[in-house]
């Protein structure tokens, strides 16, 4: 696969996550600086929202409202187009750890994962749930028995959701039913360890770029797990999330940092956003 070299779009972050392409700009959460940023293609950034509970997954409702996962207090916040911020949903009852990444479907239903255990305390990983948040803020369990449900994508036809299970080293697929519930659970790709799938993005050929939070790489996978391409992280960095976008679609944005340790990242400001041109553009959601 022919692609361009890695270019630096933005430096000076603490820990970038949840990248999205929306309205002609990149949007990204910076965990440890507790801000959501919008970044243009020249690397100019604007602070959109401060989230004291630590922002993660991002998405948009049909009316243009921005949804943001607030990790520590296990909520989803809603920022209206006029800038008002409110609690959209409270997830605490269902979360075994911090709330995490999110994908928002075309109908506004949001699928939100959580750690399932205390990652910072190095607790033993425990299975947890993927939640669906309706547009009215009501919350229900969409799937259970997942090991750290993380980045997720929805196919362009809106009928399939694929979620990365970081601690199971696999991508798991579900059929999205008419009411937004999930059924037909199946393995999309079983990954050879060590591979810790984190943030991911779908391309127009039905393949998924997924970051490996352990082995400092981003891989393009076909269903079944065949590796089509791989981008290695520059020395001293690891890759944690990615997104396809750009004005014509085939730019891959990757979030890089030396590690995810809050004690180190919060003050070092060594996180970066990198881009590379690839051959197939974005498809589906987010």
Protein backbone atom coordinates (compact mmCIF):
# COMPACT_ATOMS: atom_id res chain seq x y z
CA UNK A 1 0.00 0.00 0.00
CA UNK A 2 1.44 3.35 -1.02
CA UNK A 3 1.20 6.05 1.62
CA UNK A 4 2.95 9.20 2.67
CA UNK A 5 5.44 9.74 5.45
CA UNK A 6 4.37 10.75 8.92
CA UNK A 7 3.99 14.49 9.38
CA UNK A 8 3.54 16.39 12.64
CA UNK A 9 0.28 18.34 12.89
CA UNK A 10 0.35 19.40 16.56
CA UNK A 11 2.71 19.09 19.52
CA UNK A 12 2.48 20.05 23.19
CA UNK A 13 -0.35 17.77 24.28
CA UNK A 14 -0.50 15.79 27.51
CA UNK A 15 -2.34 12.74 26.11
CA UNK A 16 -4.46 12.96 22.98
CA UNK A 17 -7.37 10.55 22.47
CA UNK A 18 -10.71 10.18 20.67
CA UNK A 19 -9.75 11.91 17.38
CA UNK A 20 -12.57 12.79 14.97
CA UNK A 21 -12.95 14.64 11.66
CA UNK A 22 -15.94 16.99 11.72
CA UNK A 23 -16.91 20.20 9.91
CA UNK A 24 -13.55 20.58 8.20
CA UNK A 25 -11.40 20.20 11.33
CA UNK A 26 -9.87 17.52 13.52
CA UNK A 27 -11.36 17.24 17.00
CA UNK A 28 -9.49 15.56 19.84
CA UNK A 29 -9.62 15.12 23.61
CA UNK A 30 -6.54 15.84 25.71
CA UNK A 31 -7.06 13.65 28.78
CA UNK A 32 -4.70 15.23 31.24
CA UNK A 33 -5.08 18.87 30.22
CA UNK A 34 -8.84 18.22 30.46
CA UNK A 35 -9.74 19.98 27.24
CA UNK A 36 -11.39 19.22 23.90
CA UNK A 37 -9.61 20.84 20.96
CA UNK A 38 -10.52 21.54 17.35
CA UNK A 39 -7.49 21.60 15.05
CA UNK A 40 -7.36 22.82 11.46
CA UNK A 41 -5.23 21.20 8.78
CA UNK A 42 -2.45 23.73 9.39
CA UNK A 43 -2.18 22.74 13.06
CA UNK A 44 -3.96 25.76 14.55
CA UNK A 45 -5.96 24.66 17.58
CA UNK A 46 -8.93 26.11 19.46
CA UNK A 47 -10.11 25.04 22.90
CA UNK A 48 -13.77 24.03 22.51
CA UNK A 49 -14.61 22.75 25.96
CA UNK A 50 -13.04 22.11 29.34
CA UNK A 51 -14.00 18.82 31.02
CA UNK A 52 -12.76 18.60 34.60
CA UNK A 53 -13.75 14.92 34.76
CA UNK A 54 -11.28 14.25 31.90
CA UNK A 55 -12.62 14.07 28.31
CA UNK A 56 -12.47 10.99 26.11
CA UNK A 57 -14.84 9.83 23.34
CA UNK A 58 -16.45 12.44 21.10
CA UNK A 59 -19.46 12.44 18.77
CA UNK A 60 -22.34 14.53 17.49
CA UNK A 61 -26.12 14.35 17.75
CA UNK A 62 -28.28 14.97 14.65
CA UNK A 63 -28.96 18.53 15.87
CA UNK A 64 -25.23 19.32 15.89
CA UNK A 65 -24.72 19.04 19.64
CA UNK A 66 -21.32 17.71 20.67
CA UNK A 67 -21.25 14.71 23.02
CA UNK A 68 -18.18 14.21 25.20
CA UNK A 69 -17.43 11.35 27.59
CA UNK A 70 -16.40 12.63 31.01
CA UNK A 71 -14.27 9.75 32.25
CA UNK A 72 -13.85 10.13 35.99
CA UNK A 73 -17.44 10.99 36.87
CA UNK A 74 -18.74 8.50 34.28
CA UNK A 75 -21.02 10.83 32.41
CA UNK A 76 -21.70 11.95 28.87
CA UNK A 77 -21.84 15.73 28.49
CA UNK A 78 -23.75 17.57 25.76
CA UNK A 79 -22.58 20.89 24.33
CA UNK A 80 -25.34 22.49 22.27
CA UNK A 81 -24.54 24.40 19.05
CA UNK A 82 -24.95 27.67 20.99
CA UNK A 83 -22.36 26.56 23.57
CA UNK A 84 -24.53 25.52 26.53
CA UNK A 85 -23.19 22.46 28.38
CA UNK A 86 -25.33 19.95 30.29
CA UNK A 87 -25.19 16.36 31.51
CA UNK A 88 -26.59 14.17 28.73
CA UNK A 89 -26.36 10.84 30.58
CA UNK A 90 -25.11 9.37 33.84
CA UNK A 91 -23.33 6.03 33.29
CA UNK A 92 -22.04 5.42 36.83
CA UNK A 93 -24.49 2.64 37.66
CA UNK A 94 -23.08 0.44 34.91
CA UNK A 95 -19.34 1.28 34.83
CA UNK A 96 -16.70 -0.85 36.52
CA UNK A 97 -14.05 1.79 35.86
CA UNK A 98 -13.64 5.10 34.07
CA UNK A 99 -15.94 5.70 31.12
CA UNK A 100 -13.92 5.75 27.93
CA UNK A 101 -14.38 5.87 24.16
CA UNK A 102 -17.64 6.31 22.28
CA UNK A 103 -19.18 6.05 18.82
CA UNK A 104 -22.39 7.95 18.02
CA UNK A 105 -24.73 6.40 15.44
CA UNK A 106 -26.57 8.39 12.77
CA UNK A 107 -29.75 8.33 14.88
CA UNK A 108 -27.91 9.91 17.82
CA UNK A 109 -27.65 6.75 19.90
CA UNK A 110 -24.21 6.61 21.54
CA UNK A 111 -22.30 3.42 22.37
CA UNK A 112 -19.92 3.99 25.28
CA UNK A 113 -17.28 1.69 26.74
CA UNK A 114 -15.56 1.70 30.12
CA UNK A 115 -12.40 0.28 31.67
CA UNK A 116 -14.16 -2.30 33.84
CA UNK A 117 -11.49 -2.06 36.57
CA UNK A 118 -9.06 0.38 38.18
CA UNK A 119 -6.36 0.68 35.53
CA UNK A 120 -4.26 3.20 37.45
CA UNK A 121 -4.04 0.85 40.45
CA UNK A 122 -3.04 -2.04 38.12
CA UNK A 123 -6.04 -4.04 39.27
CA UNK A 124 -6.86 -7.31 37.55
CA UNK A 125 -8.85 -6.77 34.32
CA UNK A 126 -12.53 -7.61 34.68
CA UNK A 127 -15.23 -8.03 32.00
CA UNK A 128 -17.54 -5.08 31.61
CA UNK A 129 -20.31 -3.70 29.41
CA UNK A 130 -20.84 -1.54 26.35
CA UNK A 131 -23.66 0.94 26.98
CA UNK A 132 -26.11 2.56 24.60
CA UNK A 133 -27.24 6.07 25.46
CA UNK A 134 -30.42 7.21 23.71
CA UNK A 135 -30.96 10.77 22.51
CA UNK A 136 -33.09 11.45 25.61
CA UNK A 137 -30.17 10.42 27.86
CA UNK A 138 -31.55 7.07 28.97
CA UNK A 139 -28.95 4.32 29.36
CA UNK A 140 -29.09 0.56 28.73
CA UNK A 141 -26.57 -2.26 28.49
CA UNK A 142 -26.00 -3.06 24.80
CA UNK A 143 -23.44 -5.86 25.30
CA UNK A 144 -21.69 -7.49 28.24
CA UNK A 145 -18.66 -9.69 28.97
CA UNK A 146 -16.22 -7.40 27.13
CA UNK A 147 -12.60 -6.94 28.21
CA UNK A 148 -11.96 -3.19 28.10
CA UNK A 149 -14.28 -2.11 25.26
CA UNK A 150 -12.39 0.73 23.65
CA UNK A 151 -12.43 2.32 20.19
CA UNK A 152 -15.44 1.40 18.05
CA UNK A 153 -16.69 1.94 14.50
CA UNK A 154 -20.06 1.67 12.75
CA UNK A 155 -20.16 0.59 9.12
CA UNK A 156 -21.46 2.97 6.45
CA UNK A 157 -24.79 1.13 6.15
CA UNK A 158 -25.34 1.58 9.91
CA UNK A 159 -25.88 -2.13 10.43
CA UNK A 160 -22.65 -3.31 12.10
CA UNK A 161 -20.68 -2.10 15.12
CA UNK A 162 -17.11 -3.29 15.69
CA UNK A 163 -15.45 -2.63 19.04
CA UNK A 164 -11.83 -3.13 20.10
CA UNK A 165 -11.44 -5.25 23.25
CA UNK A 166 -8.05 -4.04 24.43
CA UNK A 167 -7.35 -6.75 27.00
CA UNK A 168 -8.75 -9.59 24.86
CA UNK A 169 -6.60 -8.73 21.81
CA UNK A 170 -9.57 -8.87 19.45
CA UNK A 171 -12.10 -6.84 17.51
CA UNK A 172 -15.68 -7.94 18.16
CA UNK A 173 -18.62 -7.23 15.83
CA UNK A 174 -22.35 -6.92 16.47
CA UNK A 175 -25.39 -6.41 14.30
CA UNK A 176 -27.17 -3.15 15.11
CA UNK A 177 -30.90 -3.86 15.24
CA UNK A 178 -33.59 -1.35 14.26
CA UNK A 179 -34.05 -0.22 17.87
CA UNK A 180 -30.30 0.26 18.37
CA UNK A 181 -29.81 -2.92 20.40
CA UNK A 182 -26.93 -5.23 19.51
CA UNK A 183 -27.15 -8.89 18.48
CA UNK A 184 -25.23 -11.50 16.49
CA UNK A 185 -21.99 -11.18 18.44
CA UNK A 186 -19.01 -12.49 16.49
CA UNK A 187 -15.23 -12.12 16.28
CA UNK A 188 -14.21 -9.66 13.56
CA UNK A 189 -10.49 -10.27 14.10
CA UNK A 190 -8.51 -12.30 16.63
CA UNK A 191 -5.15 -10.57 17.02
CA UNK A 192 -1.81 -12.16 17.69
CA UNK A 193 -0.49 -11.13 21.09
CA UNK A 194 1.08 -8.88 22.12
CA UNK A 195 -1.49 -6.58 20.53
CA UNK A 196 -3.64 -4.22 22.59
CA UNK A 197 -6.21 -2.70 20.19
CA UNK A 198 -7.14 0.83 21.18
CA UNK A 199 -8.61 3.60 18.99
CA UNK A 200 -9.66 2.64 15.48
CA UNK A 201 -11.19 3.93 12.24
CA UNK A 202 -12.93 2.31 9.25
CA UNK A 203 -11.92 2.84 5.62
CA UNK A 204 -13.99 2.72 2.43
CA UNK A 205 -12.77 -0.79 1.62
CA UNK A 206 -14.20 -2.22 4.86
CA UNK A 207 -10.85 -2.43 6.62
CA UNK A 208 -9.97 -1.03 10.03
CA UNK A 209 -6.93 0.96 11.07
CA UNK A 210 -6.32 0.18 14.75
CA UNK A 211 -3.65 1.45 17.14
CA UNK A 212 -1.70 -1.03 19.24
CA UNK A 213 -1.24 0.57 22.66
CA UNK A 214 1.54 -1.90 23.57
CA UNK A 215 3.72 -2.39 20.50
CA UNK A 216 3.97 1.20 19.20
CA UNK A 217 2.26 0.70 15.85
CA UNK A 218 -0.92 1.27 13.90
CA UNK A 219 -2.13 -1.57 11.68
CA UNK A 220 -4.62 -1.77 8.83
CA UNK A 221 -6.61 -4.99 9.20
CA UNK A 222 -9.02 -6.89 7.00
CA UNK A 223 -11.88 -8.80 8.61
CA UNK A 224 -10.35 -12.02 9.88
CA UNK A 225 -7.17 -10.26 11.03
CA UNK A 226 -4.98 -10.16 7.91
CA UNK A 227 -2.51 -7.27 8.19
CA UNK A 228 -2.60 -5.08 5.08
CA UNK A 229 -0.30 -2.32 6.27
CA UNK A 230 1.53 -1.12 9.37
CA UNK A 231 2.82 2.26 10.51
CA UNK A 232 5.51 2.13 13.18
CA UNK A 233 5.60 4.85 15.83
CA UNK A 234 8.65 7.12 15.89
CA UNK A 235 11.21 6.27 18.54
CA UNK A 236 10.00 7.14 22.03
CA UNK A 237 6.30 7.20 21.12
CA UNK A 238 3.39 4.80 21.25
CA UNK A 239 0.15 5.07 19.27
CA UNK A 240 -3.20 5.12 21.07
CA UNK A 241 -5.90 6.32 18.66
CA UNK A 242 -6.43 7.14 14.99
CA UNK A 243 -8.98 8.64 12.61
CA UNK A 244 -9.39 8.94 8.86
CA UNK A 245 -10.46 12.30 7.50
CA UNK A 246 -9.20 15.42 5.80
CA UNK A 247 -11.10 17.31 3.12
CA UNK A 248 -10.91 14.40 0.67
CA UNK A 249 -10.88 11.60 3.24
CA UNK A 250 -7.61 9.63 2.98
CA UNK A 251 -5.59 11.35 5.70
CA UNK A 252 -4.89 9.21 8.75
CA UNK A 253 -4.50 11.15 12.01
CA UNK A 254 -2.70 9.30 14.82
CA UNK A 255 -2.45 10.23 18.50
CA UNK A 256 1.01 9.54 19.91
CA UNK A 257 2.58 9.80 23.36
CA UNK A 258 5.43 8.07 25.22
CA UNK A 259 2.92 6.27 27.50
CA UNK A 260 -0.44 6.85 29.25
CA UNK A 261 0.89 7.33 32.80
CA UNK A 262 -0.88 10.42 34.18
CA UNK A 263 1.92 11.22 36.60
CA UNK A 264 4.33 11.60 33.69
CA UNK A 265 2.06 12.90 30.95
CA UNK A 266 0.28 15.71 32.81
CA UNK A 267 3.40 17.85 33.08
CA UNK A 268 5.63 16.64 30.24
CA UNK A 269 3.42 17.80 27.32
CA UNK A 270 5.03 15.35 24.90
CA UNK A 271 1.89 14.10 23.13
CA UNK A 272 1.62 14.73 19.38
CA UNK A 273 -0.82 14.48 16.51
CA UNK A 274 0.71 12.92 13.40
CA UNK A 275 -0.75 12.49 9.92
CA UNK A 276 -0.07 10.21 6.97
CA UNK A 277 -1.71 10.01 3.56
CA UNK A 278 -3.20 6.60 2.80
CA UNK A 279 -4.98 5.25 -0.27
CA UNK A 280 -8.51 4.56 1.02
CA UNK A 281 -10.66 7.30 2.59
CA UNK A 282 -12.82 7.27 5.69
CA UNK A 283 -16.12 5.40 5.84
CA UNK A 284 -18.86 4.92 8.41
CA UNK A 285 -18.71 6.39 11.91
CA UNK A 286 -17.17 8.02 13.85
